C-alpha cells in the first residue's frame, strides 16, 4: 500500500514508482489510477464498500499495489485493510502535515478531528478551549458550514486557515476570519486549521446555577451545582462515555456531562417544551452540542444508543417501567444515578433496582450555603437529596 499526493507520480520516491510499474494489479480510487495512464496491467477501482474488494484481495496471489491518499494510517484505508491483508505500508505526507507546512505552523500540539463523512454533532465540546485544531472536511461539513456552526456557539475567538487542493494544479491556501470563511466558496478537497486569536479557557466542573437560562417565574428547577457535581462524580464518566440524561430540564447535568465526555455523546429527554427550549439555549451558551428531544421517558429512549451512564433527575411517576428500560439498555458495568427528594420514592427506587440485580449505594446530602445578613453571616440549607447510584453487573 503506497500513499500518494495530488501531484501524482511526480511526488513518489523512485522505488515506489518502480513497484507500481512492475506490479500485476494496481488498486485505487479513480483519481489515483488516472495518475498512471501508461499502466498496462489490470486496474481495480475502489468503489463503495470494501468487503467485496477485500475478499478478492485475500484470494489474490499476484503482485498488488494499492494506492491511497496521503498517509494510509491517517483516517485511511490502511487501518481497515491491514487487519485483513498482509500489507506493507509506505506513507506519503498527510493532508494535515501539508496544510500546517503551508501555514508555517508547528502541529505537534494540534488537536485533529475528522468531519469527513461524519456528523458535526458534538463538535463544539470536542474543540472548546483547544488552541489549535485541524479539521478534515467534506461537502456537507464545508469551511462555510464550520464557520456558521462556530458562530452559533459563540466560538468567535478562532481564525481559520484553509488549504485547498494541496499539491494539485489548483492549490490555494488562505487565512480567514470566521465571517470571511462563511461567505467564501472553496474547492471540495480542503483542510481547515482553526487557531485561537485569544485564549478562551473552558469552564471547570460545577458551573454556577445562575449561568443557566431557567424557567420563569418559578426559577430554580435545576439540579443545584453542589448536587450536580456529586451526581456527576457518581456517574464516573470517561472521555468517550455515552450518557443519557432523563428529565434534563435546563440541561445543566447534560451540559456538564458533555464537557467531561467530550469524545463520547450525550442524549437528553425532557417532557416540558419550555424547559427543552431552555436546554437548547443553554447548549449554545455553554458550548455543548448534544441530542435533546421532547418526550416523557421511557418513550423515545429507543432512539438513543445503549449508554454507559444514565442520570435520572425526574421519573414522572412511572418509576418501575422507566428503571426496567434503563437497566436493560445500560451497558455491562454501567452506572445509573438518580436524585430523589422523598423517602417514599427512595424506598421504591431501592426495591426496583435491587430486583433488577443492581448493586446499589446511597449518598444523603444535607448542604447549607453561607448567606450574608447585614454585617453577619448565616447558613441557608438546600433541600436534602438522596443520590442513588446503581451499578449494573457484568453480563
Protein backbone atom coordinates (compact mmCIF):
# COMPACT_ATOMS: atom_id res chain seq x y z
CA UNK A 1 0.00 0.00 0.00
CA UNK A 2 1.51 3.29 -1.16
CA UNK A 3 0.39 6.75 -0.14
CA UNK A 4 0.15 9.32 -2.91
CA UNK A 5 -0.45 13.06 -3.11
CA UNK A 6 -2.43 15.19 -5.54
CA UNK A 7 0.75 15.76 -7.52
CA UNK A 8 0.52 12.12 -8.62
CA UNK A 9 3.54 10.12 -9.76
CA UNK A 10 5.94 13.06 -9.58
CA UNK A 11 5.68 13.11 -5.78
CA UNK A 12 6.65 9.44 -5.38
CA UNK A 13 10.07 8.11 -4.49
CA UNK A 14 11.72 6.28 -7.44
CA UNK A 15 11.43 2.95 -5.61
CA UNK A 16 7.65 3.43 -5.19
CA UNK A 17 7.22 4.33 -8.85
CA UNK A 18 9.15 1.21 -9.83
CA UNK A 19 6.93 -1.01 -7.66
CA UNK A 20 3.84 0.47 -9.29
CA UNK A 21 5.16 -0.03 -12.82
CA UNK A 22 6.15 -3.64 -12.10
CA UNK A 23 3.04 -4.82 -10.25
CA UNK A 24 0.37 -7.10 -11.75
CA UNK A 25 -2.65 -5.35 -10.25
CA UNK A 26 -2.99 -1.66 -9.42
CA UNK A 27 -5.81 -0.80 -7.00
CA UNK A 28 -7.02 2.69 -6.13
CA UNK A 29 -9.68 5.34 -6.49
CA UNK A 30 -10.46 6.64 -9.97
CA UNK A 31 -8.47 9.83 -9.29
CA UNK A 32 -5.42 7.83 -8.18
CA UNK A 33 -5.49 5.46 -11.16
CA UNK A 34 -5.71 8.38 -13.58
CA UNK A 35 -2.21 9.39 -12.48
CA UNK A 36 -0.90 6.25 -14.25
CA UNK A 37 -2.38 6.23 -17.78
CA UNK A 38 0.58 4.22 -19.12
CA UNK A 39 0.00 1.30 -16.75
CA UNK A 40 -0.89 -1.72 -18.93
CA UNK A 41 -1.70 -4.40 -16.38
CA UNK A 42 -5.00 -4.89 -14.52
CA UNK A 43 -6.56 -1.97 -12.66
CA UNK A 44 -9.17 -2.27 -9.90
CA UNK A 45 -11.19 0.78 -8.88
CA UNK A 46 -12.11 1.19 -5.21
CA UNK A 47 -15.82 1.96 -5.15
CA UNK A 48 -18.43 1.78 -2.39
CA UNK A 49 -17.98 -0.90 0.27
CA UNK A 50 -14.69 -2.67 0.87
CA UNK A 51 -15.97 -6.16 1.67
CA UNK A 52 -16.03 -7.42 -1.94
CA UNK A 53 -12.63 -5.90 -2.74
CA UNK A 54 -11.12 -7.29 0.46
CA UNK A 55 -12.42 -10.77 -0.35
CA UNK A 56 -10.86 -10.56 -3.83
CA UNK A 57 -7.52 -9.37 -2.49
CA UNK A 58 -7.44 -12.13 0.14
CA UNK A 59 -7.52 -14.67 -2.71
CA UNK A 60 -5.04 -12.75 -4.89
CA UNK A 61 -1.67 -14.41 -5.49
CA UNK A 62 -0.26 -11.83 -7.89
CA UNK A 63 1.79 -8.75 -7.01
CA UNK A 64 -0.64 -5.99 -5.95
CA UNK A 65 -0.14 -2.28 -5.21
CA UNK A 66 -2.92 -0.32 -3.52
CA UNK A 67 -2.87 3.47 -3.88
CA UNK A 68 -4.42 5.69 -1.21
CA UNK A 69 -4.27 9.40 -0.42
CA UNK A 70 -1.57 10.66 1.92
CA UNK A 71 -0.81 8.53 4.95
CA UNK A 72 -2.84 5.27 4.71
CA UNK A 73 -3.00 5.03 8.51
CA UNK A 74 -4.32 8.58 8.96
CA UNK A 75 -8.11 8.23 8.56
CA UNK A 76 -7.28 6.00 5.59
CA UNK A 77 -7.86 2.51 4.21
CA UNK A 78 -4.68 1.22 5.75
CA UNK A 79 -6.28 0.96 9.18
CA UNK A 80 -9.06 -1.29 7.83
CA UNK A 81 -7.14 -3.39 5.32
CA UNK A 82 -4.06 -4.00 7.48
CA UNK A 83 -6.22 -6.15 9.76
CA UNK A 84 -7.28 -8.37 6.86
CA UNK A 85 -4.40 -8.39 4.39
CA UNK A 86 -0.61 -8.99 4.67
CA UNK A 87 0.21 -5.38 3.80
CA UNK A 88 3.42 -3.41 3.62
CA UNK A 89 2.51 0.26 4.06
CA UNK A 90 4.52 3.18 2.67
CA UNK A 91 3.01 6.53 3.68
CA UNK A 92 3.04 9.85 1.88
CA UNK A 93 2.77 13.19 3.68
CA UNK A 94 -0.73 13.55 5.18
CA UNK A 95 -3.03 16.41 4.22
CA UNK A 96 -2.75 17.81 7.75
CA UNK A 97 1.05 17.84 7.61
CA UNK A 98 0.93 19.60 4.26
CA UNK A 99 -1.60 22.17 5.49
CA UNK A 100 0.49 23.07 8.54
CA UNK A 101 3.61 23.36 6.39
CA UNK A 102 1.78 25.83 4.13
CA UNK A 103 0.65 27.74 7.22
CA UNK A 104 4.22 27.57 8.59
CA UNK A 105 2.92 26.41 11.96
CA UNK A 106 4.03 23.54 14.19
CA UNK A 107 1.44 20.80 14.53
CA UNK A 108 2.66 18.56 17.35
CA UNK A 109 0.30 20.42 19.71
CA UNK A 110 -2.72 20.41 17.38
CA UNK A 111 -5.98 18.58 18.02
CA UNK A 112 -7.04 16.71 14.89
CA UNK A 113 -10.67 15.89 14.13
CA UNK A 114 -12.35 14.44 11.05
CA UNK A 115 -15.79 15.64 9.97
CA UNK A 116 -15.41 13.79 6.67
CA UNK A 117 -18.46 11.56 6.34
CA UNK A 118 -19.32 12.22 9.98
CA UNK A 119 -21.91 14.31 11.80
CA UNK A 120 -20.82 17.69 13.18
CA UNK A 121 -22.91 16.96 16.31
CA UNK A 122 -20.69 17.26 19.38
CA UNK A 123 -18.00 19.30 17.58
CA UNK A 124 -18.41 22.27 19.96
CA UNK A 125 -17.42 20.47 23.18
CA UNK A 126 -14.71 18.49 21.42
CA UNK A 127 -12.78 21.59 20.38
CA UNK A 128 -13.77 24.08 23.13
CA UNK A 129 -10.66 25.56 24.72
CA UNK A 130 -8.24 23.92 22.29
CA UNK A 131 -5.74 26.38 20.90
CA UNK A 132 -5.04 24.77 17.52
CA UNK A 133 -7.34 22.42 15.61
CA UNK A 134 -7.03 20.69 12.23
CA UNK A 135 -10.36 19.71 10.66
CA UNK A 136 -10.84 17.26 7.79
CA UNK A 137 -13.94 18.38 5.89
CA UNK A 138 -16.42 17.16 3.29
CA UNK A 139 -19.07 18.80 1.10
CA UNK A 140 -21.61 18.91 3.96
CA UNK A 141 -19.18 19.93 6.69
CA UNK A 142 -17.53 22.54 4.49
CA UNK A 143 -15.46 25.52 5.69
CA UNK A 144 -18.60 27.69 5.32
CA UNK A 145 -20.67 25.27 7.43
CA UNK A 146 -17.94 25.09 10.09
CA UNK A 147 -17.78 28.90 10.31
CA UNK A 148 -21.56 29.15 10.69
CA UNK A 149 -21.55 26.43 13.35
CA UNK A 150 -18.79 28.06 15.42
CA UNK A 151 -20.55 31.42 15.31
CA UNK A 152 -23.78 29.82 16.63
CA UNK A 153 -21.88 28.63 19.70
CA UNK A 154 -20.10 31.96 20.20
CA UNK A 155 -16.70 30.44 19.43
CA UNK A 156 -15.50 33.59 17.68
CA UNK A 157 -12.01 33.51 19.22
CA UNK A 158 -10.92 31.34 16.29
CA UNK A 159 -9.42 32.45 12.99
CA UNK A 160 -9.07 29.97 10.13
CA UNK A 161 -6.56 28.83 7.55
CA UNK A 162 -7.96 26.85 4.63
CA UNK A 163 -5.69 24.75 2.41
CA UNK A 164 -7.34 23.56 -0.82
CA UNK A 165 -6.21 21.01 -3.42
CA UNK A 166 -2.88 20.54 -1.70
CA UNK A 167 -0.13 19.78 -4.24
CA UNK A 168 -2.75 19.81 -7.01
CA UNK A 169 -2.92 22.12 -10.00
CA UNK A 170 -5.36 24.47 -8.26
CA UNK A 171 -3.71 24.56 -4.84
CA UNK A 172 -4.82 27.55 -2.80
CA UNK A 173 -4.08 28.48 0.82
CA UNK A 174 -5.70 31.45 2.58
CA UNK A 175 -6.33 32.99 6.01
CA UNK A 176 -9.85 33.96 7.11
CA UNK A 177 -11.90 35.31 9.95
CA UNK A 178 -15.00 33.19 10.62
CA UNK A 179 -17.17 35.85 8.94
CA UNK A 180 -14.98 35.76 5.86
CA UNK A 181 -14.89 31.95 5.74
CA UNK A 182 -18.69 31.77 5.96
CA UNK A 183 -19.03 33.99 2.88
CA UNK A 184 -16.35 32.31 0.72
CA UNK A 185 -16.55 29.37 -1.70
CA UNK A 186 -13.98 26.57 -1.61
CA UNK A 187 -12.86 23.58 -3.64
CA UNK A 188 -14.23 20.27 -2.24
CA UNK A 189 -10.75 19.00 -1.25
CA UNK A 190 -9.61 21.12 1.67
CA UNK A 191 -8.30 21.12 5.23
CA UNK A 192 -9.33 23.75 7.78
CA UNK A 193 -7.00 24.81 10.58
CA UNK A 194 -8.54 26.78 13.44
CA UNK A 195 -6.30 28.80 15.74
CA UNK A 196 -7.27 30.81 18.79
CA UNK A 197 -6.70 34.50 18.29
CA UNK A 198 -7.17 34.99 22.04
CA UNK A 199 -7.10 32.38 24.78
CA UNK A 200 -10.56 31.32 25.98
CA UNK A 201 -10.46 28.72 28.74
CA UNK A 202 -13.10 26.05 29.26
CA UNK A 203 -15.35 26.28 32.28
CA UNK A 204 -14.43 23.98 35.15
CA UNK A 205 -16.71 21.38 36.74
CA UNK A 206 -19.54 22.92 38.76
CA UNK A 207 -20.97 25.72 36.61
CA UNK A 208 -22.83 28.35 38.65
CA UNK A 209 -26.61 27.86 38.75
CA UNK A 210 -27.09 31.49 37.70
CA UNK A 211 -25.16 30.82 34.49
CA UNK A 212 -28.04 28.69 33.15
CA UNK A 213 -31.17 30.03 31.49
CA UNK A 214 -34.03 28.75 33.64
CA UNK A 215 -37.81 28.66 33.65
CA UNK A 216 -39.50 31.85 34.85
CA UNK A 217 -41.22 32.90 37.08
CA UNK A 218 -40.55 29.69 39.05
CA UNK A 219 -36.80 29.91 38.58
CA UNK A 220 -34.83 27.22 40.32
CA UNK A 221 -35.96 24.00 38.59
CA UNK A 222 -32.37 22.95 38.16
CA UNK A 223 -30.06 20.34 39.64
CA UNK A 224 -28.10 22.59 42.01
CA UNK A 225 -24.39 22.89 41.45
CA UNK A 226 -23.38 21.01 44.60
CA UNK A 227 -25.76 18.11 43.91
CA UNK A 228 -24.87 18.14 40.22
CA UNK A 229 -21.15 17.83 40.97
CA UNK A 230 -21.69 14.92 43.36
CA UNK A 231 -24.01 13.18 40.88
CA UNK A 232 -21.51 13.53 38.04
CA UNK A 233 -18.84 12.09 40.31
CA UNK A 234 -21.06 9.06 40.95
CA UNK A 235 -21.58 8.55 37.20
CA UNK A 236 -17.79 8.04 36.78
CA UNK A 237 -17.82 9.41 33.24
CA UNK A 238 -14.96 8.77 30.85
CA UNK A 239 -13.94 10.99 27.94
CA UNK A 240 -15.72 8.69 25.47
CA UNK A 241 -18.80 7.78 27.55
CA UNK A 242 -22.30 7.52 26.08
CA UNK A 243 -24.63 9.28 28.53
CA UNK A 244 -28.40 9.62 28.97
CA UNK A 245 -29.95 12.50 30.92
CA UNK A 246 -33.61 11.79 31.67
CA UNK A 247 -35.69 14.80 32.68
CA UNK A 248 -32.93 17.21 31.63
CA UNK A 249 -34.92 20.43 32.29
CA UNK A 250 -32.36 23.27 31.91
CA UNK A 251 -29.77 20.76 30.67
CA UNK A 252 -27.30 21.53 33.47
CA UNK A 253 -26.30 17.89 34.09
CA UNK A 254 -26.20 17.04 30.37
CA UNK A 255 -24.05 20.10 29.64
CA UNK A 256 -21.51 19.25 32.31
CA UNK A 257 -21.55 15.60 31.21
CA UNK A 258 -20.87 16.65 27.62
CA UNK A 259 -17.85 18.65 28.74
CA UNK A 260 -16.45 15.58 30.52
CA UNK A 261 -17.42 13.01 27.84
CA UNK A 262 -16.33 15.31 25.02
CA UNK A 263 -15.27 12.41 22.76
CA UNK A 264 -18.44 10.46 23.57
CA UNK A 265 -22.06 11.58 23.25
CA UNK A 266 -24.91 12.80 25.45
CA UNK A 267 -28.62 12.17 24.83
CA UNK A 268 -31.22 14.10 26.82
CA UNK A 269 -35.01 13.93 27.05
CA UNK A 270 -37.43 16.46 28.58
CA UNK A 271 -41.24 16.36 28.72
CA UNK A 272 -41.78 20.12 29.12
CA UNK A 273 -41.43 22.06 25.87
CA UNK A 274 -40.43 25.32 27.57
CA UNK A 275 -37.70 23.59 29.58
CA UNK A 276 -36.41 21.88 26.43
CA UNK A 277 -36.11 25.29 24.73
CA UNK A 278 -34.06 26.49 27.70
CA UNK A 279 -31.86 23.41 27.41
CA UNK A 280 -31.19 24.13 23.73
CA UNK A 281 -30.34 27.76 24.51
CA UNK A 282 -28.05 26.67 27.34
CA UNK A 283 -26.22 24.35 24.94
CA UNK A 284 -25.33 27.33 22.75
CA UNK A 285 -24.35 29.42 25.76
CA UNK A 286 -22.12 26.72 27.26
CA UNK A 287 -20.61 25.41 24.01
CA UNK A 288 -22.03 21.93 24.09
CA UNK A 289 -23.86 20.20 21.27
CA UNK A 290 -25.83 17.07 22.14
CA UNK A 291 -29.13 15.42 21.22
CA UNK A 292 -32.07 16.74 23.27
CA UNK A 293 -35.60 15.59 22.44
CA UNK A 294 -39.13 16.32 23.66
CA UNK A 295 -40.81 13.35 25.31
CA UNK A 296 -41.64 11.52 28.51
CA UNK A 297 -39.26 8.64 29.21
CA UNK A 298 -39.22 5.74 28.61
CA UNK A 299 -40.83 6.91 25.35
CA UNK A 300 -38.21 7.79 22.69
CA UNK A 301 -35.34 6.12 24.57
CA UNK A 302 -35.24 3.57 21.74
CA UNK A 303 -33.85 6.42 19.58
CA UNK A 304 -30.70 6.58 21.74
CA UNK A 305 -27.71 4.19 21.63
CA UNK A 306 -27.03 1.99 24.67
CA UNK A 307 -25.35 4.11 27.37
CA UNK A 308 -22.55 3.56 29.87
CA UNK A 309 -24.10 6.12 32.24
CA UNK A 310 -27.66 7.30 32.96
CA UNK A 311 -28.75 10.24 35.08
CA UNK A 312 -32.40 10.50 36.18
CA UNK A 313 -33.41 13.87 37.56
CA UNK A 314 -37.13 13.06 37.50
CA UNK A 315 -39.16 9.94 36.72
CA UNK A 316 -42.58 11.47 36.06
CA UNK A 317 -44.36 8.95 38.30
CA UNK A 318 -43.56 5.91 36.16
CA UNK A 319 -40.53 4.63 38.01
CA UNK A 320 -40.78 0.86 37.51
CA UNK A 321 -41.19 0.92 33.73
CA UNK A 322 -38.50 3.58 33.41
CA UNK A 323 -35.95 1.71 35.52
CA UNK A 324 -36.66 -1.59 33.74
CA UNK A 325 -35.99 0.10 30.40
CA UNK A 326 -32.88 1.92 31.61
CA UNK A 327 -31.23 -1.09 33.28
CA UNK A 328 -31.98 -3.33 30.28
CA UNK A 329 -30.29 -0.82 27.96
CA UNK A 330 -27.40 0.09 30.27
CA UNK A 331 -24.12 -1.47 29.17
CA UNK A 332 -22.42 -4.02 31.47
CA UNK A 333 -20.71 -2.32 34.44
CA UNK A 334 -22.62 0.86 33.59
CA UNK A 335 -23.92 3.22 36.27
CA UNK A 336 -27.33 4.78 36.83
CA UNK A 337 -27.64 7.77 39.18
CA UNK A 338 -30.94 9.14 40.49
CA UNK A 339 -31.66 12.28 42.52
CA UNK A 340 -34.54 11.62 44.92
CA UNK A 341 -36.14 14.06 47.36
CA UNK A 342 -38.63 11.87 49.31
CA UNK A 343 -38.23 8.74 51.41
CA UNK A 344 -41.20 7.10 49.63
CA UNK A 345 -39.52 7.43 46.22
CA UNK A 346 -36.22 6.33 47.75
CA UNK A 347 -37.81 3.13 49.09
CA UNK A 348 -39.47 2.42 45.74
CA UNK A 349 -36.23 3.01 43.78
CA UNK A 350 -34.26 0.70 46.07
CA UNK A 351 -36.84 -2.05 45.71
CA UNK A 352 -36.87 -1.88 41.91
CA UNK A 353 -33.10 -1.53 41.45
CA UNK A 354 -32.30 -4.48 43.71
CA UNK A 355 -34.94 -6.59 41.94
CA UNK A 356 -33.21 -5.71 38.67
CA UNK A 357 -29.95 -7.14 40.01
CA UNK A 358 -28.08 -3.88 40.58
CA UNK A 359 -25.51 -3.09 43.24
CA UNK A 360 -26.96 -0.02 44.98
CA UNK A 361 -25.43 2.71 47.15
CA UNK A 362 -26.96 5.91 48.56
CA UNK A 363 -25.41 9.26 49.34
CA UNK A 364 -27.55 11.53 51.52
CA UNK A 365 -26.73 15.22 51.04
CA UNK A 366 -27.58 17.91 53.55
CA UNK A 367 -25.81 21.04 52.34
CA UNK A 368 -26.01 24.59 53.62
CA UNK A 369 -24.55 27.68 51.95
CA UNK A 370 -23.42 30.86 53.64
CA UNK A 371 -25.59 33.95 53.18
CA UNK A 372 -24.84 37.48 54.40
CA UNK A 373 -27.25 39.11 56.83
CA UNK A 374 -26.32 42.75 57.47
CA UNK A 375 -22.65 42.54 58.52
CA UNK A 376 -23.02 38.95 59.71
CA UNK A 377 -23.23 35.54 58.05
CA UNK A 378 -25.78 32.79 58.40
CA UNK A 379 -26.26 29.44 56.66
CA UNK A 380 -29.18 28.66 54.35
CA UNK A 381 -29.87 24.96 53.73
CA UNK A 382 -30.54 23.38 50.36
CA UNK A 383 -33.26 20.73 50.18
CA UNK A 384 -31.89 17.36 51.36
CA UNK A 385 -31.37 14.98 48.42
CA UNK A 386 -30.70 11.25 48.17
CA UNK A 387 -28.22 10.44 45.41
CA UNK A 388 -28.87 6.82 44.50
CA UNK A 389 -26.23 5.00 42.44
CA UNK A 390 -26.97 1.65 40.80
CA UNK A 391 -24.20 -0.34 39.17
CA UNK A 392 -25.13 -2.96 36.61
CA UNK A 393 -23.23 -6.21 36.79
CA UNK A 394 -21.32 -7.98 34.03
CA UNK A 395 -23.45 -9.96 31.60
